[in-house]
Amino acid sequence: MPTAVATQPRRIMRLPQVQAATGFGRAWIYELMKRGDFPQARKIGTRAVGWPSDEIEAWVSDRLEGRA
């Protein structure tokens, strides 16, 4: 029986947070993005990108549940 996922406020995750959430390094995250197998980073400033937290959390959840 699936458990309900606690909803947290949507926020922007920067690369170190995404790495901590996935266990992947920078190069692998960008390779997965290039392949279309990972949520795309969004430009949030002139020299900054971030990922929507809900997309990263859903991606991690799918892998933990074996839906990937």
N, C-alpha and C. Protein backbone atom coordinates (compact mmCIF):
# COMPACT_ATOMS: atom_id res chain seq x y z
N MET A 1 0.85 -1.17 0.00
CA MET A 1 0.00 0.00 0.00
C MET A 1 0.90 1.24 0.00
N PRO A 2 0.77 2.11 -1.01
CA PRO A 2 1.62 3.30 -1.06
C PRO A 2 1.32 4.25 0.09
N THR A 3 2.38 4.88 0.55
CA THR A 3 2.21 5.87 1.61
C THR A 3 2.07 7.25 1.00
N ALA A 4 1.36 8.10 1.67
CA ALA A 4 1.18 9.47 1.19
C ALA A 4 2.49 10.23 1.36
N VAL A 5 2.84 10.98 0.36
CA VAL A 5 4.06 11.79 0.41
C VAL A 5 3.70 13.13 1.07
N ALA A 6 4.46 13.49 2.08
CA ALA A 6 4.23 14.77 2.74
C ALA A 6 4.55 15.89 1.76
N THR A 7 3.63 16.80 1.59
CA THR A 7 3.87 17.89 0.67
C THR A 7 4.64 19.00 1.38
N GLN A 8 5.72 19.41 0.75
CA GLN A 8 6.54 20.49 1.27
C GLN A 8 6.38 21.66 0.32
N PRO A 9 6.64 22.85 0.79
CA PRO A 9 6.56 24.01 -0.11
C PRO A 9 7.53 23.84 -1.28
N ARG A 10 7.09 24.21 -2.46
CA ARG A 10 7.94 24.13 -3.64
C ARG A 10 9.05 25.17 -3.49
N ARG A 11 10.26 24.77 -3.85
CA ARG A 11 11.40 25.68 -3.73
C ARG A 11 12.39 25.37 -4.84
N ILE A 12 13.37 26.22 -4.98
CA ILE A 12 14.43 26.00 -5.96
C ILE A 12 15.57 25.27 -5.27
N MET A 13 16.00 24.17 -5.87
CA MET A 13 17.15 23.43 -5.35
C MET A 13 18.35 23.77 -6.22
N ARG A 14 19.45 24.09 -5.56
CA ARG A 14 20.70 24.33 -6.28
C ARG A 14 21.45 23.01 -6.38
N LEU A 15 22.53 22.99 -7.16
CA LEU A 15 23.25 21.76 -7.46
C LEU A 15 23.67 20.98 -6.22
N PRO A 16 24.25 21.59 -5.19
CA PRO A 16 24.63 20.79 -4.02
C PRO A 16 23.45 20.07 -3.36
N GLN A 17 22.28 20.70 -3.37
CA GLN A 17 21.08 20.06 -2.80
C GLN A 17 20.62 18.91 -3.68
N VAL A 18 20.70 19.08 -4.99
CA VAL A 18 20.31 18.02 -5.93
C VAL A 18 21.28 16.85 -5.80
N GLN A 19 22.56 17.15 -5.66
CA GLN A 19 23.54 16.08 -5.48
C GLN A 19 23.27 15.31 -4.19
N ALA A 20 22.95 16.02 -3.12
CA ALA A 20 22.66 15.36 -1.85
C ALA A 20 21.40 14.51 -1.95
N ALA A 21 20.39 14.99 -2.67
CA ALA A 21 19.13 14.26 -2.79
C ALA A 21 19.26 13.01 -3.65
N THR A 22 20.15 13.05 -4.66
CA THR A 22 20.25 11.94 -5.61
C THR A 22 21.45 11.03 -5.35
N GLY A 23 22.48 11.57 -4.73
CA GLY A 23 23.72 10.82 -4.57
C GLY A 23 24.59 10.85 -5.81
N PHE A 24 24.21 11.64 -6.81
CA PHE A 24 24.96 11.73 -8.05
C PHE A 24 25.87 12.95 -8.04
N GLY A 25 26.93 12.86 -8.82
CA GLY A 25 27.83 13.99 -8.99
C GLY A 25 27.34 14.91 -10.10
N ARG A 26 27.98 16.07 -10.20
CA ARG A 26 27.60 17.09 -11.17
C ARG A 26 27.60 16.55 -12.59
N ALA A 27 28.66 15.89 -13.01
CA ALA A 27 28.78 15.43 -14.39
C ALA A 27 27.67 14.43 -14.74
N TRP A 28 27.34 13.53 -13.83
CA TRP A 28 26.30 12.53 -14.11
C TRP A 28 24.92 13.18 -14.17
N ILE A 29 24.66 14.15 -13.32
CA ILE A 29 23.38 14.87 -13.36
C ILE A 29 23.22 15.54 -14.71
N TYR A 30 24.25 16.21 -15.18
CA TYR A 30 24.17 16.89 -16.48
C TYR A 30 24.08 15.90 -17.63
N GLU A 31 24.72 14.75 -17.52
CA GLU A 31 24.61 13.71 -18.55
C GLU A 31 23.18 13.18 -18.60
N LEU A 32 22.57 12.92 -17.45
CA LEU A 32 21.19 12.44 -17.41
C LEU A 32 20.23 13.50 -17.98
N MET A 33 20.49 14.77 -17.69
CA MET A 33 19.66 15.84 -18.26
C MET A 33 19.78 15.84 -19.78
N LYS A 34 20.99 15.68 -20.28
CA LYS A 34 21.22 15.67 -21.73
C LYS A 34 20.47 14.51 -22.39
N ARG A 35 20.41 13.36 -21.71
CA ARG A 35 19.70 12.18 -22.22
C ARG A 35 18.19 12.31 -22.11
N GLY A 36 17.74 13.28 -21.31
CA GLY A 36 16.31 13.42 -21.08
C GLY A 36 15.80 12.53 -19.96
N ASP A 37 16.72 12.03 -19.13
CA ASP A 37 16.38 11.11 -18.04
C ASP A 37 16.38 11.77 -16.67
N PHE A 38 16.42 13.08 -16.63
CA PHE A 38 16.49 13.80 -15.36
C PHE A 38 15.82 15.15 -15.57
N PRO A 39 15.18 15.70 -14.54
CA PRO A 39 14.55 17.03 -14.69
C PRO A 39 15.56 18.08 -15.17
N GLN A 40 15.09 18.94 -16.05
CA GLN A 40 15.95 19.98 -16.60
C GLN A 40 16.13 21.12 -15.60
N ALA A 41 17.35 21.64 -15.55
CA ALA A 41 17.64 22.81 -14.73
C ALA A 41 17.00 24.02 -15.37
N ARG A 42 16.61 24.98 -14.55
CA ARG A 42 16.02 26.23 -15.02
C ARG A 42 16.97 27.37 -14.71
N LYS A 43 17.09 28.30 -15.63
CA LYS A 43 17.93 29.48 -15.39
C LYS A 43 17.22 30.36 -14.37
N ILE A 44 17.92 30.68 -13.29
CA ILE A 44 17.32 31.51 -12.24
C ILE A 44 18.06 32.84 -12.05
N GLY A 45 19.10 33.02 -12.81
CA GLY A 45 19.88 34.25 -12.74
C GLY A 45 20.86 34.27 -13.89
N THR A 46 21.67 35.30 -13.94
CA THR A 46 22.63 35.44 -15.02
C THR A 46 23.58 34.25 -15.10
N ARG A 47 24.06 33.81 -13.95
CA ARG A 47 25.00 32.68 -13.93
C ARG A 47 24.56 31.59 -12.98
N ALA A 48 23.26 31.41 -12.82
CA ALA A 48 22.77 30.44 -11.84
C ALA A 48 21.62 29.62 -12.42
N VAL A 49 21.62 28.34 -12.08
CA VAL A 49 20.50 27.47 -12.44
C VAL A 49 20.01 26.77 -11.18
N GLY A 50 18.80 26.28 -11.27
CA GLY A 50 18.22 25.53 -10.17
C GLY A 50 17.18 24.57 -10.70
N TRP A 51 16.76 23.67 -9.84
CA TRP A 51 15.77 22.67 -10.19
C TRP A 51 14.56 22.84 -9.28
N PRO A 52 13.35 22.68 -9.81
CA PRO A 52 12.17 22.71 -8.95
C PRO A 52 12.20 21.52 -7.99
N SER A 53 12.03 21.78 -6.72
CA SER A 53 12.14 20.72 -5.71
C SER A 53 11.12 19.61 -5.94
N ASP A 54 9.91 19.96 -6.40
CA ASP A 54 8.91 18.92 -6.59
C ASP A 54 9.31 17.95 -7.70
N GLU A 55 9.99 18.43 -8.73
CA GLU A 55 10.44 17.55 -9.80
C GLU A 55 11.56 16.62 -9.33
N ILE A 56 12.49 17.14 -8.55
CA ILE A 56 13.58 16.30 -8.03
C ILE A 56 13.02 15.27 -7.06
N GLU A 57 12.14 15.69 -6.16
CA GLU A 57 11.55 14.75 -5.19
C GLU A 57 10.75 13.66 -5.89
N ALA A 58 10.01 14.01 -6.94
CA ALA A 58 9.25 13.02 -7.70
C ALA A 58 10.19 12.05 -8.41
N TRP A 59 11.28 12.57 -8.97
CA TRP A 59 12.25 11.73 -9.67
C TRP A 59 12.87 10.71 -8.70
N VAL A 60 13.28 11.19 -7.54
CA VAL A 60 13.86 10.30 -6.53
C VAL A 60 12.82 9.27 -6.08
N SER A 61 11.62 9.70 -5.82
CA SER A 61 10.54 8.82 -5.37
C SER A 61 10.27 7.73 -6.40
N ASP A 62 10.24 8.09 -7.68
CA ASP A 62 10.00 7.11 -8.73
C ASP A 62 11.07 6.02 -8.73
N ARG A 63 12.31 6.41 -8.51
CA ARG A 63 13.38 5.42 -8.48
C ARG A 63 13.30 4.53 -7.24
N LEU A 64 12.95 5.10 -6.13
CA LEU A 64 12.84 4.32 -4.91
C LEU A 64 11.67 3.35 -4.99
N GLU A 65 10.63 3.71 -5.71
CA GLU A 65 9.45 2.85 -5.86
C GLU A 65 9.59 1.89 -7.05
N GLY A 66 10.70 1.97 -7.77
CA GLY A 66 10.93 1.08 -8.90
C GLY A 66 10.14 1.45 -10.14
N ARG A 67 9.73 2.71 -10.27
CA ARG A 67 8.93 3.14 -11.42
C ARG A 67 9.79 3.76 -12.51
N ALA A 68 11.08 3.63 -12.42
CA ALA A 68 11.95 4.26 -13.42
C ALA A 68 12.39 3.25 -14.46
